[in-house]
Amino acid sequence: MARALSLLIWGLASSALAAITSAEEVSAVDIIRNPGPYRNRIITVRGIVLNPRPATVGGLAVPPTSVFELSAGPALLQVLVPPDCPVRSMVTVEGRLLLREQVGQNIYTNVTRAITCR
């Protein structure tokens, strides 16, 4: 029984890691033009961090989530991340593109919830 449980846990962990490492690289422009095929999928997108700010509820920050725009050419994408992405630097974001995400009273559409930001 313990062996079956450990195999199940290992399988789930390796599936999660495989999803992260096999994230499809997508251009921000492609996401803006047609987000449908990328929704609820793990994607990788590159760009420059602009306008970082804490996610807020009624004017109060909701740690540890921050929001920023990822600028890539003419496209701006909203990204929800832990607050460790450097401002005005080129970053690679891996995360899940969501149709909508609510943080407190703020609703974000076609937003990427970042897993990593480097």
N, C-alpha and C. Protein backbone atom coordinates (compact mmCIF):
# COMPACT_ATOMS: atom_id res chain seq x y z
N MET A 1 0.82 -1.19 0.00
CA MET A 1 0.00 0.00 0.00
C MET A 1 0.87 1.26 0.00
N ALA A 2 1.90 1.27 0.86
CA ALA A 2 2.79 2.43 0.94
C ALA A 2 3.52 2.62 -0.38
N ARG A 3 3.91 1.52 -1.01
CA ARG A 3 4.61 1.62 -2.31
C ARG A 3 3.68 2.21 -3.37
N ALA A 4 2.43 1.79 -3.40
CA ALA A 4 1.47 2.32 -4.37
C ALA A 4 1.26 3.81 -4.15
N LEU A 5 1.18 4.21 -2.89
CA LEU A 5 1.00 5.63 -2.58
C LEU A 5 2.22 6.44 -3.00
N SER A 6 3.41 5.93 -2.73
CA SER A 6 4.62 6.66 -3.12
C SER A 6 4.75 6.73 -4.64
N LEU A 7 4.34 5.68 -5.35
CA LEU A 7 4.36 5.72 -6.82
C LEU A 7 3.36 6.74 -7.35
N LEU A 8 2.19 6.83 -6.72
CA LEU A 8 1.19 7.81 -7.12
C LEU A 8 1.71 9.22 -6.91
N ILE A 9 2.29 9.49 -5.75
CA ILE A 9 2.84 10.82 -5.46
C ILE A 9 3.95 11.15 -6.44
N TRP A 10 4.85 10.21 -6.70
CA TRP A 10 5.94 10.44 -7.65
C TRP A 10 5.39 10.73 -9.04
N GLY A 11 4.35 9.99 -9.44
CA GLY A 11 3.75 10.20 -10.76
C GLY A 11 3.12 11.57 -10.88
N LEU A 12 2.42 12.02 -9.84
CA LEU A 12 1.82 13.35 -9.86
C LEU A 12 2.88 14.44 -9.90
N ALA A 13 3.93 14.28 -9.10
CA ALA A 13 5.00 15.27 -9.08
C ALA A 13 5.72 15.34 -10.41
N SER A 14 6.02 14.20 -11.01
CA SER A 14 6.72 14.20 -12.29
C SER A 14 5.83 14.75 -13.40
N SER A 15 4.51 14.53 -13.31
CA SER A 15 3.60 15.11 -14.31
C SER A 15 3.60 16.63 -14.21
N ALA A 16 3.58 17.14 -12.98
CA ALA A 16 3.61 18.60 -12.79
C ALA A 16 4.91 19.18 -13.31
N LEU A 17 6.03 18.53 -13.03
CA LEU A 17 7.32 19.02 -13.53
C LEU A 17 7.39 18.94 -15.04
N ALA A 18 6.86 17.89 -15.61
CA ALA A 18 6.87 17.75 -17.07
C ALA A 18 6.04 18.86 -17.71
N ALA A 19 4.93 19.23 -17.10
CA ALA A 19 4.09 20.30 -17.64
C ALA A 19 4.85 21.62 -17.63
N ILE A 20 5.60 21.87 -16.57
CA ILE A 20 6.37 23.11 -16.48
C ILE A 20 7.50 23.11 -17.50
N THR A 21 8.24 22.02 -17.60
CA THR A 21 9.38 22.00 -18.50
C THR A 21 8.97 21.91 -19.96
N SER A 22 7.75 21.47 -20.23
CA SER A 22 7.32 21.36 -21.61
C SER A 22 6.37 22.49 -22.01
N ALA A 23 6.43 23.59 -21.28
CA ALA A 23 5.55 24.73 -21.58
C ALA A 23 5.84 25.23 -22.99
N GLU A 24 4.78 25.45 -23.74
CA GLU A 24 4.90 25.93 -25.11
C GLU A 24 5.25 27.41 -25.10
N GLU A 25 6.28 27.79 -25.85
CA GLU A 25 6.63 29.20 -25.95
C GLU A 25 5.71 29.87 -26.96
N VAL A 26 5.10 30.97 -26.54
CA VAL A 26 4.10 31.68 -27.34
C VAL A 26 4.47 33.16 -27.34
N SER A 27 4.22 33.83 -28.44
CA SER A 27 4.46 35.27 -28.47
C SER A 27 3.28 35.98 -27.83
N ALA A 28 3.55 37.10 -27.19
CA ALA A 28 2.49 37.88 -26.56
C ALA A 28 1.47 38.33 -27.59
N VAL A 29 1.92 38.66 -28.79
CA VAL A 29 1.01 39.10 -29.85
C VAL A 29 0.03 37.99 -30.21
N ASP A 30 0.52 36.74 -30.30
CA ASP A 30 -0.37 35.61 -30.59
C ASP A 30 -1.45 35.45 -29.52
N ILE A 31 -1.07 35.66 -28.26
CA ILE A 31 -2.03 35.53 -27.17
C ILE A 31 -3.09 36.62 -27.27
N ILE A 32 -2.65 37.85 -27.54
CA ILE A 32 -3.60 38.97 -27.66
C ILE A 32 -4.55 38.74 -28.83
N ARG A 33 -4.03 38.31 -29.97
CA ARG A 33 -4.86 38.11 -31.16
C ARG A 33 -5.86 36.99 -31.00
N ASN A 34 -5.43 35.88 -30.37
CA ASN A 34 -6.29 34.71 -30.28
C ASN A 34 -5.95 33.92 -29.01
N PRO A 35 -6.47 34.34 -27.85
CA PRO A 35 -6.11 33.67 -26.60
C PRO A 35 -6.73 32.28 -26.43
N GLY A 36 -7.80 31.99 -27.15
CA GLY A 36 -8.54 30.74 -26.97
C GLY A 36 -7.70 29.48 -26.93
N PRO A 37 -6.83 29.25 -27.92
CA PRO A 37 -6.07 27.99 -27.93
C PRO A 37 -5.08 27.85 -26.76
N TYR A 38 -4.77 28.94 -26.09
CA TYR A 38 -3.76 28.89 -25.02
C TYR A 38 -4.36 28.89 -23.62
N ARG A 39 -5.66 29.12 -23.50
CA ARG A 39 -6.30 29.19 -22.19
C ARG A 39 -6.19 27.86 -21.46
N ASN A 40 -5.91 27.98 -20.16
CA ASN A 40 -5.77 26.85 -19.25
C ASN A 40 -4.59 25.94 -19.61
N ARG A 41 -3.68 26.45 -20.41
CA ARG A 41 -2.46 25.69 -20.74
C ARG A 41 -1.26 26.39 -20.13
N ILE A 42 -0.24 25.61 -19.84
CA ILE A 42 1.02 26.17 -19.35
C ILE A 42 1.76 26.70 -20.57
N ILE A 43 2.13 27.99 -20.52
CA ILE A 43 2.82 28.63 -21.64
C ILE A 43 4.07 29.34 -21.13
N THR A 44 4.94 29.67 -22.06
CA THR A 44 6.12 30.49 -21.78
C THR A 44 6.03 31.70 -22.69
N VAL A 45 6.22 32.88 -22.12
CA VAL A 45 6.20 34.11 -22.90
C VAL A 45 7.31 35.02 -22.38
N ARG A 46 7.94 35.75 -23.30
CA ARG A 46 9.06 36.63 -22.93
C ARG A 46 8.67 38.08 -23.16
N GLY A 47 9.21 38.94 -22.32
CA GLY A 47 8.95 40.36 -22.48
C GLY A 47 9.62 41.17 -21.38
N ILE A 48 9.25 42.44 -21.29
CA ILE A 48 9.81 43.36 -20.32
C ILE A 48 8.75 43.66 -19.26
N VAL A 49 9.15 43.63 -17.99
CA VAL A 49 8.26 43.91 -16.88
C VAL A 49 7.99 45.42 -16.83
N LEU A 50 6.70 45.79 -16.87
CA LEU A 50 6.29 47.18 -16.74
C LEU A 50 5.19 47.30 -15.70
N ASN A 51 5.12 48.44 -15.03
CA ASN A 51 4.03 48.79 -14.13
C ASN A 51 3.76 47.73 -13.06
N PRO A 52 4.78 47.27 -12.33
CA PRO A 52 4.52 46.31 -11.26
C PRO A 52 3.77 46.98 -10.11
N ARG A 53 2.83 46.24 -9.53
CA ARG A 53 2.07 46.76 -8.41
C ARG A 53 1.50 45.59 -7.62
N PRO A 54 1.22 45.79 -6.36
CA PRO A 54 0.61 44.70 -5.60
C PRO A 54 -0.83 44.48 -6.05
N ALA A 55 -1.25 43.25 -6.04
CA ALA A 55 -2.68 42.96 -6.24
C ALA A 55 -3.38 43.47 -4.99
N THR A 56 -4.50 44.12 -5.15
CA THR A 56 -5.15 44.74 -4.00
C THR A 56 -6.59 44.30 -3.83
N VAL A 57 -7.06 44.39 -2.61
CA VAL A 57 -8.46 44.18 -2.26
C VAL A 57 -8.87 45.40 -1.45
N GLY A 58 -9.75 46.20 -2.00
CA GLY A 58 -10.20 47.40 -1.29
C GLY A 58 -9.07 48.34 -0.93
N GLY A 59 -8.08 48.45 -1.81
CA GLY A 59 -6.95 49.34 -1.57
C GLY A 59 -5.84 48.73 -0.73
N LEU A 60 -6.03 47.53 -0.19
CA LEU A 60 -5.00 46.87 0.61
C LEU A 60 -4.32 45.80 -0.23
N ALA A 61 -2.99 45.72 -0.13
CA ALA A 61 -2.22 44.73 -0.88
C ALA A 61 -2.58 43.32 -0.42
N VAL A 62 -2.55 42.39 -1.37
CA VAL A 62 -2.82 40.98 -1.09
C VAL A 62 -1.51 40.22 -1.28
N PRO A 63 -0.69 40.12 -0.22
CA PRO A 63 0.57 39.41 -0.39
C PRO A 63 0.31 37.93 -0.60
N PRO A 64 1.11 37.20 -1.28
CA PRO A 64 2.34 37.63 -1.93
C PRO A 64 2.15 37.93 -3.41
N THR A 65 0.92 38.19 -3.85
CA THR A 65 0.67 38.35 -5.28
C THR A 65 0.90 39.78 -5.74
N SER A 66 1.59 39.91 -6.87
CA SER A 66 1.76 41.18 -7.54
C SER A 66 1.21 41.05 -8.96
N VAL A 67 0.98 42.17 -9.59
CA VAL A 67 0.50 42.21 -10.96
C VAL A 67 1.47 43.09 -11.74
N PHE A 68 1.78 42.68 -12.97
CA PHE A 68 2.53 43.57 -13.85
C PHE A 68 2.10 43.35 -15.28
N GLU A 69 2.45 44.30 -16.14
CA GLU A 69 2.25 44.11 -17.57
C GLU A 69 3.55 43.57 -18.14
N LEU A 70 3.42 42.61 -19.03
CA LEU A 70 4.57 42.07 -19.75
C LEU A 70 4.51 42.67 -21.15
N SER A 71 5.48 43.49 -21.47
CA SER A 71 5.52 44.17 -22.76
C SER A 71 6.38 43.37 -23.72
N ALA A 72 5.81 43.04 -24.86
CA ALA A 72 6.53 42.31 -25.91
C ALA A 72 6.08 42.88 -27.25
N GLY A 73 6.88 43.80 -27.79
CA GLY A 73 6.48 44.47 -29.02
C GLY A 73 5.25 45.31 -28.77
N PRO A 74 4.22 45.18 -29.61
CA PRO A 74 3.02 45.99 -29.42
C PRO A 74 2.04 45.40 -28.40
N ALA A 75 2.36 44.27 -27.81
CA ALA A 75 1.42 43.59 -26.91
C ALA A 75 1.76 43.83 -25.45
N LEU A 76 0.72 43.95 -24.64
CA LEU A 76 0.84 44.01 -23.19
C LEU A 76 -0.03 42.92 -22.59
N LEU A 77 0.58 42.05 -21.81
CA LEU A 77 -0.15 40.99 -21.12
C LEU A 77 -0.12 41.25 -19.62
N GLN A 78 -1.21 40.93 -18.94
CA GLN A 78 -1.22 41.01 -17.48
C GLN A 78 -0.73 39.70 -16.91
N VAL A 79 0.12 39.80 -15.88
CA VAL A 79 0.70 38.62 -15.25
C VAL A 79 0.55 38.76 -13.74
N LEU A 80 0.04 37.72 -13.10
CA LEU A 80 -0.02 37.64 -11.63
C LEU A 80 1.17 36.81 -11.18
N VAL A 81 1.99 37.38 -10.30
CA VAL A 81 3.22 36.70 -9.90
C VAL A 81 3.52 36.93 -8.43
N PRO A 82 4.37 36.08 -7.86
CA PRO A 82 4.98 36.44 -6.58
C PRO A 82 5.85 37.67 -6.83
N PRO A 83 6.06 38.53 -5.84
CA PRO A 83 6.72 39.82 -6.08
C PRO A 83 8.24 39.75 -6.22
N ASP A 84 8.74 38.88 -7.06
CA ASP A 84 10.20 38.78 -7.19
C ASP A 84 10.69 39.00 -8.61
N CYS A 85 9.86 39.50 -9.50
CA CYS A 85 10.30 39.78 -10.87
C CYS A 85 10.88 41.19 -10.92
N PRO A 86 12.09 41.33 -11.44
CA PRO A 86 12.74 42.64 -11.47
C PRO A 86 12.05 43.60 -12.44
N VAL A 87 11.90 44.85 -12.02
CA VAL A 87 11.25 45.89 -12.81
C VAL A 87 12.11 46.28 -14.00
N ARG A 88 11.45 46.54 -15.13
CA ARG A 88 12.07 47.00 -16.37
C ARG A 88 13.15 46.06 -16.90
N SER A 89 13.08 44.81 -16.54
CA SER A 89 14.04 43.87 -17.07
C SER A 89 13.34 42.88 -17.99
N MET A 90 14.11 42.27 -18.86
CA MET A 90 13.59 41.24 -19.75
C MET A 90 13.40 39.98 -18.91
N VAL A 91 12.22 39.38 -18.99
CA VAL A 91 11.94 38.17 -18.22
C VAL A 91 11.30 37.12 -19.09
N THR A 92 11.39 35.89 -18.63
CA THR A 92 10.66 34.77 -19.21
C THR A 92 9.67 34.31 -18.15
N VAL A 93 8.40 34.33 -18.50
CA VAL A 93 7.35 33.92 -17.57
C VAL A 93 6.78 32.60 -18.03
N GLU A 94 6.72 31.65 -17.11
CA GLU A 94 6.03 30.38 -17.38
C GLU A 94 4.84 30.32 -16.45
N GLY A 95 3.69 30.05 -17.03
CA GLY A 95 2.50 29.98 -16.20
C GLY A 95 1.28 29.56 -17.00
N ARG A 96 0.15 29.56 -16.32
CA ARG A 96 -1.10 29.13 -16.94
C ARG A 96 -1.88 30.36 -17.37
N LEU A 97 -2.30 30.38 -18.64
CA LEU A 97 -3.13 31.46 -19.16
C LEU A 97 -4.58 31.18 -18.76
N LEU A 98 -5.16 32.09 -18.01
CA LEU A 98 -6.52 31.92 -17.50
C LEU A 98 -7.48 32.89 -18.18
N LEU A 99 -8.68 32.44 -18.47
CA LEU A 99 -9.71 33.30 -19.03
C LEU A 99 -10.00 34.44 -18.07
N ARG A 100 -10.07 34.09 -16.79
CA ARG A 100 -10.36 35.12 -15.80
C ARG A 100 -9.85 34.67 -14.45
N GLU A 101 -9.35 35.61 -13.69
CA GLU A 101 -8.85 35.35 -12.34
C GLU A 101 -9.29 36.50 -11.46
N GLN A 102 -9.85 36.19 -10.32
CA GLN A 102 -10.30 37.23 -9.40
C GLN A 102 -9.39 37.27 -8.19
N VAL A 103 -8.89 38.47 -7.88
CA VAL A 103 -8.12 38.71 -6.66
C VAL A 103 -8.89 39.77 -5.91
N GLY A 104 -9.56 39.37 -4.84
CA GLY A 104 -10.44 40.30 -4.13
C GLY A 104 -11.55 40.74 -5.06
N GLN A 105 -11.70 42.05 -5.24
CA GLN A 105 -12.73 42.57 -6.12
C GLN A 105 -12.21 42.82 -7.53
N ASN A 106 -10.92 42.66 -7.75
CA ASN A 106 -10.34 42.88 -9.07
C ASN A 106 -10.47 41.63 -9.91
N ILE A 107 -10.96 41.80 -11.13
CA ILE A 107 -11.08 40.68 -12.07
C ILE A 107 -10.14 40.93 -13.23
N TYR A 108 -9.28 39.97 -13.50
CA TYR A 108 -8.33 40.05 -14.60
C TYR A 108 -8.77 39.07 -15.67
N THR A 109 -8.77 39.49 -16.93
CA THR A 109 -9.14 38.58 -18.02
C THR A 109 -7.91 38.29 -18.87
N ASN A 110 -7.86 37.08 -19.41
CA ASN A 110 -6.72 36.61 -20.19
C ASN A 110 -5.41 36.95 -19.48
N VAL A 111 -5.34 36.50 -18.25
CA VAL A 111 -4.20 36.79 -17.39
C VAL A 111 -3.37 35.52 -17.23
N THR A 112 -2.06 35.68 -17.15
CA THR A 112 -1.18 34.54 -16.89
C THR A 112 -0.87 34.49 -15.41
N ARG A 113 -1.14 33.35 -14.78
CA ARG A 113 -0.73 33.15 -13.39
C ARG A 113 0.62 32.47 -13.44
N ALA A 114 1.65 33.23 -13.10
CA ALA A 114 3.03 32.75 -13.27
C ALA A 114 3.38 31.65 -12.27
N ILE A 115 4.12 30.68 -12.77
CA ILE A 115 4.73 29.65 -11.94
C ILE A 115 6.16 30.08 -11.64
N THR A 116 6.84 30.56 -12.69
CA THR A 116 8.20 31.08 -12.52
C THR A 116 8.34 32.37 -13.32
N CYS A 117 9.28 33.17 -12.89
CA CYS A 117 9.61 34.41 -13.56
C CYS A 117 11.12 34.57 -13.45
N ARG A 118 11.80 34.50 -14.57
CA ARG A 118 13.27 34.61 -14.50
C ARG A 118 13.80 35.44 -15.63
